[in-house]
Amino acid sequence: MVQIADRVREQLRERGLACVPMILFAKGASPALAATAKYDVVGLDWTVDPRDGSIPQDVALQGNLDPVVLYGGQEAIEREVKRVCAEFRAARPTTGWIANLGHGITPGVDPDDLKWFFERVHKYSKVEKK
């Protein structure tokens, strides 16, 4: 993974192209280990607490809601999105994070429930102005 990150950046430089943020989603890997692989963003699945102190603060975070929650109805979706947003806010209070599902959308999810997920993310991820 380190070689991939290094080579992509090298190739971009050689071609005179701007570096782009690189995201690593290494399912099942330690987030601390993944964060040392020279990626800008580490994708987390739903089994990893974003407040894990072993994740360097200079690494942005993405992900985390268990996609199965989308089958639980709007009440469950709202509860879990609220919880996940609070955990990410605690983990990255000033830099933010990328809200996402921990491992993509599974077949059979009701589009209205997916829409509800997005609406709840917008509701609970907003930073309150002081």
C-alpha atoms as a PDB file:
ATOM      1  CA  MET A   1       0.000   0.000   0.000  1.00  0.00           C
ATOM      2  CA  VAL A   2       2.907   2.346   0.735  1.00  0.00           C
ATOM      3  CA  GLN A   3       4.427   1.566  -2.661  1.00  0.00           C
ATOM      4  CA  ILE A   4       1.145   2.330  -4.389  1.00  0.00           C
ATOM      5  CA  ALA A   5       0.837   5.700  -2.645  1.00  0.00           C
ATOM      6  CA  ASP A   6       4.467   6.569  -3.405  1.00  0.00           C
ATOM      7  CA  ARG A   7       4.248   5.530  -7.068  1.00  0.00           C
ATOM      8  CA  VAL A   8       0.969   7.363  -7.720  1.00  0.00           C
ATOM      9  CA  ARG A   9       2.389  10.574  -6.270  1.00  0.00           C
ATOM     10  CA  GLU A  10       5.630  10.094  -8.208  1.00  0.00           C
ATOM     11  CA  GLN A  11       3.751   9.578 -11.479  1.00  0.00           C
ATOM     12  CA  LEU A  12       1.629  12.667 -10.863  1.00  0.00           C
ATOM     13  CA  ARG A  13       4.752  14.766 -10.232  1.00  0.00           C
ATOM     14  CA  GLU A  14       6.492  13.401 -13.334  1.00  0.00           C
ATOM     15  CA  ARG A  15       3.483  14.334 -15.440  1.00  0.00           C
ATOM     16  CA  GLY A  16       3.222  17.791 -13.891  1.00  0.00           C
ATOM     17  CA  LEU A  17      -0.151  17.009 -12.376  1.00  0.00           C
ATOM     18  CA  ALA A  18      -1.377  18.136  -8.994  1.00  0.00           C
ATOM     19  CA  CYS A  19      -1.351  15.644  -6.167  1.00  0.00           C
ATOM     20  CA  VAL A  20      -4.796  14.430  -5.220  1.00  0.00           C
ATOM     21  CA  PRO A  21      -5.962  13.211  -1.817  1.00  0.00           C
ATOM     22  CA  MET A  22      -5.620   9.459  -1.614  1.00  0.00           C
ATOM     23  CA  ILE A  23      -8.053   7.299   0.341  1.00  0.00           C
ATOM     24  CA  LEU A  24      -7.209   3.890   1.749  1.00  0.00           C
ATOM     25  CA  PHE A  25      -9.939   1.496   2.780  1.00  0.00           C
ATOM     26  CA  ALA A  26      -8.201  -1.611   4.055  1.00  0.00           C
ATOM     27  CA  LYS A  27     -11.071  -3.718   5.392  1.00  0.00           C
ATOM     28  CA  GLY A  28     -10.055  -5.439   8.588  1.00  0.00           C
ATOM     29  CA  ALA A  29      -6.705  -3.629   8.877  1.00  0.00           C
ATOM     30  CA  SER A  30      -5.775  -1.701  11.965  1.00  0.00           C
ATOM     31  CA  PRO A  31      -6.652   1.957  11.352  1.00  0.00           C
ATOM     32  CA  ALA A  32      -3.308   2.989  12.897  1.00  0.00           C
ATOM     33  CA  LEU A  33      -1.453   0.698  10.501  1.00  0.00           C
ATOM     34  CA  ALA A  34      -3.491   1.965   7.559  1.00  0.00           C
ATOM     35  CA  ALA A  35      -2.828   5.571   8.575  1.00  0.00           C
ATOM     36  CA  THR A  36       0.934   5.014   8.447  1.00  0.00           C
ATOM     37  CA  ALA A  37       0.682   3.899   4.808  1.00  0.00           C
ATOM     38  CA  LYS A  38       0.993   7.522   3.592  1.00  0.00           C
ATOM     39  CA  TYR A  39      -2.644   8.048   2.651  1.00  0.00           C
ATOM     40  CA  ASP A  40      -4.508  11.293   3.289  1.00  0.00           C
ATOM     41  CA  VAL A  41      -7.769   9.635   4.261  1.00  0.00           C
ATOM     42  CA  VAL A  42      -8.440   6.319   5.974  1.00  0.00           C
ATOM     43  CA  GLY A  43     -11.792   4.661   5.375  1.00  0.00           C
ATOM     44  CA  LEU A  44     -13.192   2.913   8.429  1.00  0.00           C
ATOM     45  CA  ASP A  45     -15.739   0.161   8.587  1.00  0.00           C
ATOM     46  CA  TRP A  46     -18.406   0.080  11.287  1.00  0.00           C
ATOM     47  CA  THR A  47     -16.287  -2.026  13.658  1.00  0.00           C
ATOM     48  CA  VAL A  48     -13.753   0.776  14.214  1.00  0.00           C
ATOM     49  CA  ASP A  49     -14.324   3.622  16.645  1.00  0.00           C
ATOM     50  CA  PRO A  50     -13.185   6.851  14.940  1.00  0.00           C
ATOM     51  CA  ARG A  51     -12.087   8.123  18.376  1.00  0.00           C
ATOM     52  CA  ASP A  52      -9.379   5.419  18.450  1.00  0.00           C
ATOM     53  CA  GLY A  53      -6.337   7.299  19.730  1.00  0.00           C
ATOM     54  CA  SER A  54      -3.947   5.278  17.574  1.00  0.00           C
ATOM     55  CA  ILE A  55      -5.180   7.029  14.420  1.00  0.00           C
ATOM     56  CA  PRO A  56      -2.957  10.054  13.737  1.00  0.00           C
ATOM     57  CA  GLN A  57      -4.821  13.370  13.877  1.00  0.00           C
ATOM     58  CA  ASP A  58      -3.424  14.505  10.519  1.00  0.00           C
ATOM     59  CA  VAL A  59      -5.247  11.691   8.731  1.00  0.00           C
ATOM     60  CA  ALA A  60      -8.808  12.445   7.640  1.00  0.00           C
ATOM     61  CA  LEU A  61     -11.471   9.814   8.233  1.00  0.00           C
ATOM     62  CA  GLN A  62     -14.244   8.415   6.054  1.00  0.00           C
ATOM     63  CA  GLY A  63     -17.066   6.025   6.583  1.00  0.00           C
ATOM     64  CA  ASN A  64     -18.366   4.016   9.376  1.00  0.00           C
ATOM     65  CA  LEU A  65     -22.119   3.399   9.382  1.00  0.00           C
ATOM     66  CA  ASP A  66     -22.964  -0.298   9.108  1.00  0.00           C
ATOM     67  CA  PRO A  67     -24.888  -0.582   5.812  1.00  0.00           C
ATOM     68  CA  VAL A  68     -27.243  -3.145   7.360  1.00  0.00           C
ATOM     69  CA  VAL A  69     -28.737  -0.279   9.392  1.00  0.00           C
ATOM     70  CA  LEU A  70     -30.417   0.858   6.174  1.00  0.00           C
ATOM     71  CA  TYR A  71     -32.753  -2.151   6.528  1.00  0.00           C
ATOM     72  CA  GLY A  72     -33.793  -1.133  10.058  1.00  0.00           C
ATOM     73  CA  GLY A  73     -36.221   1.637   9.198  1.00  0.00           C
ATOM     74  CA  GLN A  74     -36.023   5.374   9.648  1.00  0.00           C
ATOM     75  CA  GLU A  75     -35.882   5.356  13.453  1.00  0.00           C
ATOM     76  CA  ALA A  76     -32.840   3.048  13.467  1.00  0.00           C
ATOM     77  CA  ILE A  77     -31.172   5.003  10.677  1.00  0.00           C
ATOM     78  CA  GLU A  78     -31.628   8.283  12.525  1.00  0.00           C
ATOM     79  CA  ARG A  79     -30.357   6.872  15.824  1.00  0.00           C
ATOM     80  CA  GLU A  80     -27.239   5.372  14.253  1.00  0.00           C
ATOM     81  CA  VAL A  81     -26.423   8.371  12.050  1.00  0.00           C
ATOM     82  CA  LYS A  82     -26.720  10.641  15.094  1.00  0.00           C
ATOM     83  CA  ARG A  83     -24.379   8.358  17.067  1.00  0.00           C
ATOM     84  CA  VAL A  84     -21.806   8.043  14.272  1.00  0.00           C
ATOM     85  CA  CYS A  85     -21.782  11.798  13.611  1.00  0.00           C
ATOM     86  CA  ALA A  86     -21.198  12.457  17.324  1.00  0.00           C
ATOM     87  CA  GLU A  87     -18.285   9.982  17.357  1.00  0.00           C
ATOM     88  CA  PHE A  88     -16.686  11.521  14.267  1.00  0.00           C
ATOM     89  CA  ARG A  89     -17.182  15.038  15.617  1.00  0.00           C
ATOM     90  CA  ALA A  90     -15.397  13.985  18.814  1.00  0.00           C
ATOM     91  CA  ALA A  91     -12.607  12.370  16.788  1.00  0.00           C
ATOM     92  CA  ARG A  92     -12.113  15.266  14.370  1.00  0.00           C
ATOM     93  CA  PRO A  93     -13.661  18.369  15.981  1.00  0.00           C
ATOM     94  CA  THR A  94     -11.879  20.897  13.777  1.00  0.00           C
ATOM     95  CA  THR A  95     -11.021  19.054  10.569  1.00  0.00           C
ATOM     96  CA  GLY A  96     -14.269  17.265   9.826  1.00  0.00           C
ATOM     97  CA  TRP A  97     -14.708  13.873   8.203  1.00  0.00           C
ATOM     98  CA  ILE A  98     -16.370  12.169   5.261  1.00  0.00           C
ATOM     99  CA  ALA A  99     -19.657  10.561   6.264  1.00  0.00           C
ATOM    100  CA  ASN A 100     -20.232   7.315   4.437  1.00  0.00           C
ATOM    101  CA  LEU A 101     -21.356   3.753   4.810  1.00  0.00           C
ATOM    102  CA  GLY A 102     -18.728   1.431   6.219  1.00  0.00           C
ATOM    103  CA  HIS A 103     -18.849  -0.842   3.183  1.00  0.00           C
ATOM    104  CA  GLY A 104     -21.235   0.414   0.518  1.00  0.00           C
ATOM    105  CA  ILE A 105     -24.919  -0.023  -0.194  1.00  0.00           C
ATOM    106  CA  THR A 106     -26.201  -3.559  -0.187  1.00  0.00           C
ATOM    107  CA  PRO A 107     -28.815  -4.817  -2.662  1.00  0.00           C
ATOM    108  CA  GLY A 108     -32.447  -4.368  -1.734  1.00  0.00           C
ATOM    109  CA  VAL A 109     -32.119  -1.118   0.216  1.00  0.00           C
ATOM    110  CA  ASP A 110     -35.238   1.007  -0.155  1.00  0.00           C
ATOM    111  CA  PRO A 111     -34.247   4.217  -1.998  1.00  0.00           C
ATOM    112  CA  ASP A 112     -36.395   6.217   0.444  1.00  0.00           C
ATOM    113  CA  ASP A 113     -34.376   4.839   3.355  1.00  0.00           C
ATOM    114  CA  LEU A 114     -31.143   5.746   1.583  1.00  0.00           C
ATOM    115  CA  LYS A 115     -32.494   9.259   1.042  1.00  0.00           C
ATOM    116  CA  TRP A 116     -33.377   9.393   4.759  1.00  0.00           C
ATOM    117  CA  PHE A 117     -29.782   8.357   5.563  1.00  0.00           C
ATOM    118  CA  PHE A 118     -28.413  11.273   3.498  1.00  0.00           C
ATOM    119  CA  GLU A 119     -30.860  13.715   5.059  1.00  0.00           C
ATOM    120  CA  ARG A 120     -29.915  12.572   8.581  1.00  0.00           C
ATOM    121  CA  VAL A 121     -26.195  12.897   7.746  1.00  0.00           C
ATOM    122  CA  HIS A 122     -26.810  16.483   6.644  1.00  0.00           C
ATOM    123  CA  LYS A 123     -28.825  17.174   9.798  1.00  0.00           C
ATOM    124  CA  TYR A 124     -26.406  15.695  12.335  1.00  0.00           C
ATOM    125  CA  SER A 125     -23.071  16.530  10.727  1.00  0.00           C
ATOM    126  CA  LYS A 126     -23.608  20.284  10.617  1.00  0.00           C
ATOM    127  CA  VAL A 127     -21.313  22.310  12.817  1.00  0.00           C
ATOM    128  CA  GLU A 128     -23.232  24.683  15.028  1.00  0.00           C
ATOM    129  CA  LYS A 129     -22.068  28.276  14.642  1.00  0.00           C
ATOM    130  CA  LYS A 130     -21.128  30.036  17.829  1.00  0.00           C
END
